[in-house]
Amino acid sequence: MLSELDLSAIYLTFKLASLTTLILLVISPPLAWWLARSKHLFRPFVESLVALPLVLPPTVLGFYLLLSFSPDSYLGAFWIQLTGSGLAFSFSGLLIASIIYSLPFVVQPLQSAFVNLDKNYLEVAATLGFSPIKTFYKVVFPMTLPSFIIAGALGFAHTIGEFGVVLMIGGNIPGETQVLSITLFDHVETLQYQQAHILSFSLLAFSMLLLVLIYGVLQKRQKRLNDA
């Protein structure tokens, strides 16, 4: 059976994944739109910076974020003055680290969708006098909705599976930073394989169900578009 610590880790993990995904779905579309359409000299640098978590070892990213979150750093000191608590080994620190670590998993699907978007629709919207914001919500968003669903699902699933970054930033504080991946590692390390099996299978079943639902929705939407 699952212990209170297991249930607490599950709740904390889904809370972290939900908040991370919501924030990324707010900040990623403007960034992805700029990367898809901009010809600025610094675009390759920004694009590389966004994609860096894909190739950088999580412990390396976690180490430098830990240094950035320390009370001796400008960011850490500012956060302490602002909130009265530190960023390192806190849920707030985990949230910021997760946003950075999962950023490319949300930005890249959106960027690809924006690149492949038919520009004729944008030109028609411009001739109708649509503002850029109205064009995005009335034209771009409906046409790229499947990519938004995929981006959100990838960001959510990736956050749930985080280990190296959350261990470096949050440590292993029950109820505060002890997420599911850390709890699972603790069970394996202490030879509690039954608990590890329960958590692993539950996570596997949830991930599979999530993917089936997402691809089912996308398939139905694509079928409706083809029928239209």
C-alpha atoms as a PDB file:
ATOM      1  CA  MET A   1       0.000   0.000   0.000  1.00  0.00           C
ATOM      2  CA  LEU A   2       1.043   3.582  -0.553  1.00  0.00           C
ATOM      3  CA  SER A   3       2.277   5.444   2.510  1.00  0.00           C
ATOM      4  CA  GLU A   4       1.525   9.026   3.427  1.00  0.00           C
ATOM      5  CA  LEU A   5       4.918  10.028   2.050  1.00  0.00           C
ATOM      6  CA  ASP A   6       4.094   8.330  -1.261  1.00  0.00           C
ATOM      7  CA  LEU A   7       0.742  10.111  -1.516  1.00  0.00           C
ATOM      8  CA  SER A   8       2.395  13.400  -0.586  1.00  0.00           C
ATOM      9  CA  ALA A   9       5.028  12.885  -3.308  1.00  0.00           C
ATOM     10  CA  ILE A  10       2.327  12.087  -5.881  1.00  0.00           C
ATOM     11  CA  TYR A  11       0.367  15.213  -4.975  1.00  0.00           C
ATOM     12  CA  LEU A  12       3.500  17.372  -5.051  1.00  0.00           C
ATOM     13  CA  THR A  13       4.556  15.933  -8.418  1.00  0.00           C
ATOM     14  CA  PHE A  14       1.219  16.612 -10.096  1.00  0.00           C
ATOM     15  CA  LYS A  15       1.088  20.066  -8.530  1.00  0.00           C
ATOM     16  CA  LEU A  16       4.550  20.835  -9.906  1.00  0.00           C
ATOM     17  CA  ALA A  17       3.731  19.421 -13.347  1.00  0.00           C
ATOM     18  CA  SER A  18       0.416  21.296 -13.550  1.00  0.00           C
ATOM     19  CA  LEU A  19       1.880  24.668 -12.569  1.00  0.00           C
ATOM     20  CA  THR A  20       4.882  24.187 -14.841  1.00  0.00           C
ATOM     21  CA  THR A  21       2.671  23.308 -17.810  1.00  0.00           C
ATOM     22  CA  LEU A  22       0.288  26.225 -17.246  1.00  0.00           C
ATOM     23  CA  ILE A  23       3.135  28.733 -17.011  1.00  0.00           C
ATOM     24  CA  LEU A  24       4.879  27.283 -20.063  1.00  0.00           C
ATOM     25  CA  LEU A  25       1.673  27.456 -22.118  1.00  0.00           C
ATOM     26  CA  VAL A  26       1.565  31.172 -21.324  1.00  0.00           C
ATOM     27  CA  ILE A  27       5.183  32.122 -21.979  1.00  0.00           C
ATOM     28  CA  SER A  28       6.037  29.654 -24.769  1.00  0.00           C
ATOM     29  CA  PRO A  29       3.666  30.760 -27.593  1.00  0.00           C
ATOM     30  CA  PRO A  30       5.124  34.296 -27.924  1.00  0.00           C
ATOM     31  CA  LEU A  31       8.647  32.889 -27.800  1.00  0.00           C
ATOM     32  CA  ALA A  32       7.839  30.139 -30.318  1.00  0.00           C
ATOM     33  CA  TRP A  33       6.131  32.665 -32.614  1.00  0.00           C
ATOM     34  CA  TRP A  34       9.186  34.919 -32.530  1.00  0.00           C
ATOM     35  CA  LEU A  35      11.540  32.000 -33.221  1.00  0.00           C
ATOM     36  CA  ALA A  36       9.346  30.846 -36.110  1.00  0.00           C
ATOM     37  CA  ARG A  37       9.089  34.213 -37.848  1.00  0.00           C
ATOM     38  CA  SER A  38      12.044  36.320 -36.775  1.00  0.00           C
ATOM     39  CA  LYS A  39      15.167  36.794 -38.896  1.00  0.00           C
ATOM     40  CA  HIS A  40      17.041  38.593 -36.142  1.00  0.00           C
ATOM     41  CA  LEU A  41      20.778  38.043 -35.897  1.00  0.00           C
ATOM     42  CA  PHE A  42      20.461  36.642 -32.362  1.00  0.00           C
ATOM     43  CA  ARG A  43      17.682  34.162 -33.197  1.00  0.00           C
ATOM     44  CA  PRO A  44      20.060  31.157 -33.503  1.00  0.00           C
ATOM     45  CA  PHE A  45      21.526  32.017 -30.107  1.00  0.00           C
ATOM     46  CA  VAL A  46      18.081  32.258 -28.467  1.00  0.00           C
ATOM     47  CA  GLU A  47      16.988  29.050 -30.194  1.00  0.00           C
ATOM     48  CA  SER A  48      20.093  27.255 -28.942  1.00  0.00           C
ATOM     49  CA  LEU A  49      19.529  28.568 -25.438  1.00  0.00           C
ATOM     50  CA  VAL A  50      15.962  27.259 -25.434  1.00  0.00           C
ATOM     51  CA  ALA A  51      17.078  23.838 -26.707  1.00  0.00           C
ATOM     52  CA  LEU A  52      20.026  23.562 -24.312  1.00  0.00           C
ATOM     53  CA  PRO A  53      18.176  21.416 -21.710  1.00  0.00           C
ATOM     54  CA  LEU A  54      17.700  18.755 -24.399  1.00  0.00           C
ATOM     55  CA  VAL A  55      21.435  18.025 -24.580  1.00  0.00           C
ATOM     56  CA  LEU A  56      22.771  19.316 -21.270  1.00  0.00           C
ATOM     57  CA  PRO A  57      23.013  16.713 -18.482  1.00  0.00           C
ATOM     58  CA  PRO A  58      20.299  17.473 -15.906  1.00  0.00           C
ATOM     59  CA  THR A  59      22.813  17.514 -13.058  1.00  0.00           C
ATOM     60  CA  VAL A  60      24.872  20.172 -14.843  1.00  0.00           C
ATOM     61  CA  LEU A  61      21.812  22.354 -15.343  1.00  0.00           C
ATOM     62  CA  GLY A  62      20.767  21.706 -11.755  1.00  0.00           C
ATOM     63  CA  PHE A  63      24.209  22.601 -10.439  1.00  0.00           C
ATOM     64  CA  TYR A  64      24.304  26.001 -12.131  1.00  0.00           C
ATOM     65  CA  LEU A  65      20.713  26.726 -11.159  1.00  0.00           C
ATOM     66  CA  LEU A  66      21.610  25.831  -7.584  1.00  0.00           C
ATOM     67  CA  LEU A  67      24.443  28.372  -7.691  1.00  0.00           C
ATOM     68  CA  SER A  68      22.059  30.945  -9.167  1.00  0.00           C
ATOM     69  CA  PHE A  69      19.502  30.273  -6.429  1.00  0.00           C
ATOM     70  CA  SER A  70      21.970  30.499  -3.541  1.00  0.00           C
ATOM     71  CA  PRO A  71      21.621  33.414  -1.075  1.00  0.00           C
ATOM     72  CA  ASP A  72      24.983  34.754  -2.272  1.00  0.00           C
ATOM     73  CA  SER A  73      23.745  35.246  -5.846  1.00  0.00           C
ATOM     74  CA  TYR A  74      21.827  38.287  -7.088  1.00  0.00           C
ATOM     75  CA  LEU A  75      18.749  36.218  -7.900  1.00  0.00           C
ATOM     76  CA  GLY A  76      18.820  34.333  -4.607  1.00  0.00           C
ATOM     77  CA  ALA A  77      19.328  37.500  -2.560  1.00  0.00           C
ATOM     78  CA  PHE A  78      16.565  39.315  -4.461  1.00  0.00           C
ATOM     79  CA  TRP A  79      14.168  36.429  -3.900  1.00  0.00           C
ATOM     80  CA  ILE A  80      14.893  36.405  -0.170  1.00  0.00           C
ATOM     81  CA  GLN A  81      14.235  40.134   0.043  1.00  0.00           C
ATOM     82  CA  LEU A  82      11.036  39.718  -1.971  1.00  0.00           C
ATOM     83  CA  THR A  83       9.547  36.663  -0.246  1.00  0.00           C
ATOM     84  CA  GLY A  84      11.550  36.169   2.945  1.00  0.00           C
ATOM     85  CA  SER A  85      12.548  32.627   1.955  1.00  0.00           C
ATOM     86  CA  GLY A  86      15.277  31.111  -0.210  1.00  0.00           C
ATOM     87  CA  LEU A  87      14.922  29.557  -3.651  1.00  0.00           C
ATOM     88  CA  ALA A  88      17.258  26.618  -3.142  1.00  0.00           C
ATOM     89  CA  PHE A  89      15.618  23.530  -1.624  1.00  0.00           C
ATOM     90  CA  SER A  90      12.133  25.008  -1.941  1.00  0.00           C
ATOM     91  CA  PHE A  91       9.078  24.333  -4.092  1.00  0.00           C
ATOM     92  CA  SER A  92       9.479  27.738  -5.748  1.00  0.00           C
ATOM     93  CA  GLY A  93      12.986  26.782  -6.804  1.00  0.00           C
ATOM     94  CA  LEU A  94      11.690  23.469  -8.158  1.00  0.00           C
ATOM     95  CA  LEU A  95       9.041  25.306 -10.165  1.00  0.00           C
ATOM     96  CA  ILE A  96      11.518  27.715 -11.761  1.00  0.00           C
ATOM     97  CA  ALA A  97      13.936  24.879 -12.534  1.00  0.00           C
ATOM     98  CA  SER A  98      11.139  22.778 -14.057  1.00  0.00           C
ATOM     99  CA  ILE A  99      10.035  25.660 -16.268  1.00  0.00           C
ATOM    100  CA  ILE A 100      13.559  26.050 -17.616  1.00  0.00           C
ATOM    101  CA  TYR A 101      14.124  22.302 -17.975  1.00  0.00           C
ATOM    102  CA  SER A 102      10.813  21.610 -19.772  1.00  0.00           C
ATOM    103  CA  LEU A 103      10.846  24.766 -21.911  1.00  0.00           C
ATOM    104  CA  PRO A 104      12.047  23.151 -25.173  1.00  0.00           C
ATOM    105  CA  PHE A 105       9.412  20.409 -24.920  1.00  0.00           C
ATOM    106  CA  VAL A 106       6.705  23.063 -25.176  1.00  0.00           C
ATOM    107  CA  VAL A 107       8.385  25.648 -27.393  1.00  0.00           C
ATOM    108  CA  GLN A 108       9.593  23.348 -30.166  1.00  0.00           C
ATOM    109  CA  PRO A 109       6.222  21.739 -31.100  1.00  0.00           C
ATOM    110  CA  LEU A 110       4.659  25.209 -31.192  1.00  0.00           C
ATOM    111  CA  GLN A 111       7.526  26.630 -33.214  1.00  0.00           C
ATOM    112  CA  SER A 112       7.211  23.815 -35.748  1.00  0.00           C
ATOM    113  CA  ALA A 113       3.461  24.419 -36.045  1.00  0.00           C
ATOM    114  CA  PHE A 114       3.958  28.148 -36.565  1.00  0.00           C
ATOM    115  CA  VAL A 115       6.614  27.565 -39.220  1.00  0.00           C
ATOM    116  CA  ASN A 116       4.293  25.244 -41.182  1.00  0.00           C
ATOM    117  CA  LEU A 117       1.272  27.524 -40.859  1.00  0.00           C
ATOM    118  CA  ASP A 118      -0.082  28.693 -44.219  1.00  0.00           C
ATOM    119  CA  LYS A 119       0.757  32.401 -44.457  1.00  0.00           C
ATOM    120  CA  ASN A 120      -2.254  33.035 -46.699  1.00  0.00           C
ATOM    121  CA  TYR A 121      -4.492  32.876 -43.638  1.00  0.00           C
ATOM    122  CA  LEU A 122      -2.418  35.551 -41.936  1.00  0.00           C
ATOM    123  CA  GLU A 123      -2.608  37.740 -45.009  1.00  0.00           C
ATOM    124  CA  VAL A 124      -6.396  37.363 -45.139  1.00  0.00           C
ATOM    125  CA  ALA A 125      -6.630  38.283 -41.466  1.00  0.00           C
ATOM    126  CA  ALA A 126      -4.503  41.369 -42.115  1.00  0.00           C
ATOM    127  CA  THR A 127      -6.753  42.477 -44.973  1.00  0.00           C
ATOM    128  CA  LEU A 128      -9.748  42.144 -42.640  1.00  0.00           C
ATOM    129  CA  GLY A 129      -8.091  44.538 -40.223  1.00  0.00           C
ATOM    130  CA  PHE A 130      -7.315  41.991 -37.503  1.00  0.00           C
ATOM    131  CA  SER A 131      -4.775  43.111 -34.918  1.00  0.00           C
ATOM    132  CA  PRO A 132      -1.826  40.765 -34.251  1.00  0.00           C
ATOM    133  CA  ILE A 133      -3.408  39.579 -31.009  1.00  0.00           C
ATOM    134  CA  LYS A 134      -6.797  38.992 -32.646  1.00  0.00           C
ATOM    135  CA  THR A 135      -5.105  37.187 -35.532  1.00  0.00           C
ATOM    136  CA  PHE A 136      -3.367  34.874 -33.119  1.00  0.00           C
ATOM    137  CA  TYR A 137      -6.477  33.937 -31.129  1.00  0.00           C
ATOM    138  CA  LYS A 138      -8.903  33.879 -34.066  1.00  0.00           C
ATOM    139  CA  VAL A 139      -6.684  32.275 -36.712  1.00  0.00           C
ATOM    140  CA  VAL A 140      -3.368  30.902 -35.446  1.00  0.00           C
ATOM    141  CA  PHE A 141      -4.545  29.271 -32.212  1.00  0.00           C
ATOM    142  CA  PRO A 142      -7.493  27.312 -33.694  1.00  0.00           C
ATOM    143  CA  MET A 143      -5.375  26.065 -36.587  1.00  0.00           C
ATOM    144  CA  THR A 144      -2.502  24.942 -34.360  1.00  0.00           C
ATOM    145  CA  LEU A 145      -4.577  23.621 -31.438  1.00  0.00           C
ATOM    146  CA  PRO A 146      -3.285  20.030 -31.849  1.00  0.00           C
ATOM    147  CA  SER A 147       0.266  21.314 -31.429  1.00  0.00           C
ATOM    148  CA  PHE A 148      -0.758  23.135 -28.254  1.00  0.00           C
ATOM    149  CA  ILE A 149      -2.200  19.880 -26.909  1.00  0.00           C
ATOM    150  CA  ILE A 150       0.974  17.969 -27.768  1.00  0.00           C
ATOM    151  CA  ALA A 151       3.187  20.709 -26.297  1.00  0.00           C
ATOM    152  CA  GLY A 152       1.222  20.786 -23.048  1.00  0.00           C
ATOM    153  CA  ALA A 153       1.254  17.002 -22.758  1.00  0.00           C
ATOM    154  CA  LEU A 154       4.999  16.807 -23.394  1.00  0.00           C
ATOM    155  CA  GLY A 155       5.707  19.533 -20.848  1.00  0.00           C
ATOM    156  CA  PHE A 156       3.493  17.843 -18.255  1.00  0.00           C
ATOM    157  CA  ALA A 157       4.924  14.361 -18.807  1.00  0.00           C
ATOM    158  CA  HIS A 158       8.508  15.600 -18.870  1.00  0.00           C
ATOM    159  CA  THR A 159       8.064  17.436 -15.576  1.00  0.00           C
ATOM    160  CA  ILE A 160       6.661  14.317 -13.914  1.00  0.00           C
ATOM    161  CA  GLY A 161       9.747  12.348 -14.955  1.00  0.00           C
ATOM    162  CA  GLU A 162      12.331  14.873 -13.778  1.00  0.00           C
ATOM    163  CA  PHE A 163      15.025  13.524 -11.475  1.00  0.00           C
ATOM    164  CA  GLY A 164      18.488  15.055 -11.785  1.00  0.00           C
ATOM    165  CA  VAL A 165      17.377  18.677 -11.806  1.00  0.00           C
ATOM    166  CA  VAL A 166      14.880  18.335  -8.954  1.00  0.00           C
ATOM    167  CA  LEU A 167      17.396  16.418  -6.865  1.00  0.00           C
ATOM    168  CA  MET A 168      20.027  19.139  -7.285  1.00  0.00           C
ATOM    169  CA  ILE A 169      17.623  22.033  -6.684  1.00  0.00           C
ATOM    170  CA  GLY A 170      15.189  20.597  -4.161  1.00  0.00           C
ATOM    171  CA  GLY A 171      17.026  17.806  -2.444  1.00  0.00           C
ATOM    172  CA  ASN A 172      14.726  15.340  -0.717  1.00  0.00           C
ATOM    173  CA  ILE A 173      12.478  17.211   1.709  1.00  0.00           C
ATOM    174  CA  PRO A 174       9.175  15.366   2.362  1.00  0.00           C
ATOM    175  CA  GLY A 175       6.141  17.504   1.624  1.00  0.00           C
ATOM    176  CA  GLU A 176       8.246  20.301   0.133  1.00  0.00           C
ATOM    177  CA  THR A 177      10.554  18.978  -2.595  1.00  0.00           C
ATOM    178  CA  GLN A 178      10.245  15.179  -2.451  1.00  0.00           C
ATOM    179  CA  VAL A 179       8.610  14.442  -5.792  1.00  0.00           C
ATOM    180  CA  LEU A 180       7.638  11.057  -7.199  1.00  0.00           C
ATOM    181  CA  SER A 181      10.926  10.294  -8.944  1.00  0.00           C
ATOM    182  CA  ILE A 182      12.878  10.959  -5.744  1.00  0.00           C
ATOM    183  CA  THR A 183      10.499   8.809  -3.692  1.00  0.00           C
ATOM    184  CA  LEU A 184      10.798   5.984  -6.200  1.00  0.00           C
ATOM    185  CA  PHE A 185      14.591   6.176  -6.002  1.00  0.00           C
ATOM    186  CA  ASP A 186      14.410   6.052  -2.188  1.00  0.00           C
ATOM    187  CA  HIS A 187      12.298   2.886  -2.325  1.00  0.00           C
ATOM    188  CA  VAL A 188      14.733   1.183  -4.681  1.00  0.00           C
ATOM    189  CA  GLU A 189      17.727   2.307  -2.625  1.00  0.00           C
ATOM    190  CA  THR A 190      16.197   0.858   0.562  1.00  0.00           C
ATOM    191  CA  LEU A 191      15.124  -2.358  -1.257  1.00  0.00           C
ATOM    192  CA  GLN A 192      11.412  -1.575  -0.864  1.00  0.00           C
ATOM    193  CA  TYR A 193      10.614  -3.071  -4.238  1.00  0.00           C
ATOM    194  CA  GLN A 194       6.896  -3.574  -3.630  1.00  0.00           C
ATOM    195  CA  GLN A 195       6.362   0.169  -3.110  1.00  0.00           C
ATOM    196  CA  ALA A 196       8.639   0.872  -6.059  1.00  0.00           C
ATOM    197  CA  HIS A 197       6.575  -1.466  -8.249  1.00  0.00           C
ATOM    198  CA  ILE A 198       3.315   0.224  -7.227  1.00  0.00           C
ATOM    199  CA  LEU A 199       4.622   3.721  -7.964  1.00  0.00           C
ATOM    200  CA  SER A 200       6.304   2.686 -11.200  1.00  0.00           C
ATOM    201  CA  PHE A 201       3.296   0.823 -12.558  1.00  0.00           C
ATOM    202  CA  SER A 202       0.931   3.650 -11.579  1.00  0.00           C
ATOM    203  CA  LEU A 203       3.136   6.155 -13.364  1.00  0.00           C
ATOM    204  CA  LEU A 204       3.450   3.886 -16.399  1.00  0.00           C
ATOM    205  CA  ALA A 205      -0.317   3.368 -16.595  1.00  0.00           C
ATOM    206  CA  PHE A 206      -1.019   7.082 -16.210  1.00  0.00           C
ATOM    207  CA  SER A 207       1.508   8.036 -18.890  1.00  0.00           C
ATOM    208  CA  MET A 208       0.119   5.471 -21.319  1.00  0.00           C
ATOM    209  CA  LEU A 209      -3.464   6.569 -20.681  1.00  0.00           C
ATOM    210  CA  LEU A 210      -2.514  10.214 -21.171  1.00  0.00           C
ATOM    211  CA  LEU A 211      -0.858   9.507 -24.508  1.00  0.00           C
ATOM    212  CA  VAL A 212      -3.759   7.354 -25.723  1.00  0.00           C
ATOM    213  CA  LEU A 213      -6.256  10.092 -24.875  1.00  0.00           C
ATOM    214  CA  ILE A 214      -4.162  12.799 -26.525  1.00  0.00           C
ATOM    215  CA  TYR A 215      -3.559  10.889 -29.742  1.00  0.00           C
ATOM    216  CA  GLY A 216      -7.206   9.816 -29.792  1.00  0.00           C
ATOM    217  CA  VAL A 217      -8.336  13.435 -29.611  1.00  0.00           C
ATOM    218  CA  LEU A 218      -5.861  14.458 -32.307  1.00  0.00           C
ATOM    219  CA  GLN A 219      -6.983  11.637 -34.576  1.00  0.00           C
ATOM    220  CA  LYS A 220     -10.652  12.629 -34.244  1.00  0.00           C
ATOM    221  CA  ARG A 221      -9.799  16.272 -34.919  1.00  0.00           C
ATOM    222  CA  GLN A 222      -7.779  15.357 -38.000  1.00  0.00           C
ATOM    223  CA  LYS A 223     -10.648  13.199 -39.248  1.00  0.00           C
ATOM    224  CA  ARG A 224     -13.096  16.082 -38.857  1.00  0.00           C
ATOM    225  CA  LEU A 225     -10.750  18.377 -40.766  1.00  0.00           C
ATOM    226  CA  ASN A 226     -10.409  15.852 -43.566  1.00  0.00           C
ATOM    227  CA  ASP A 227     -14.179  15.359 -43.766  1.00  0.00           C
ATOM    228  CA  ALA A 228     -14.665  19.127 -43.935  1.00  0.00           C
END
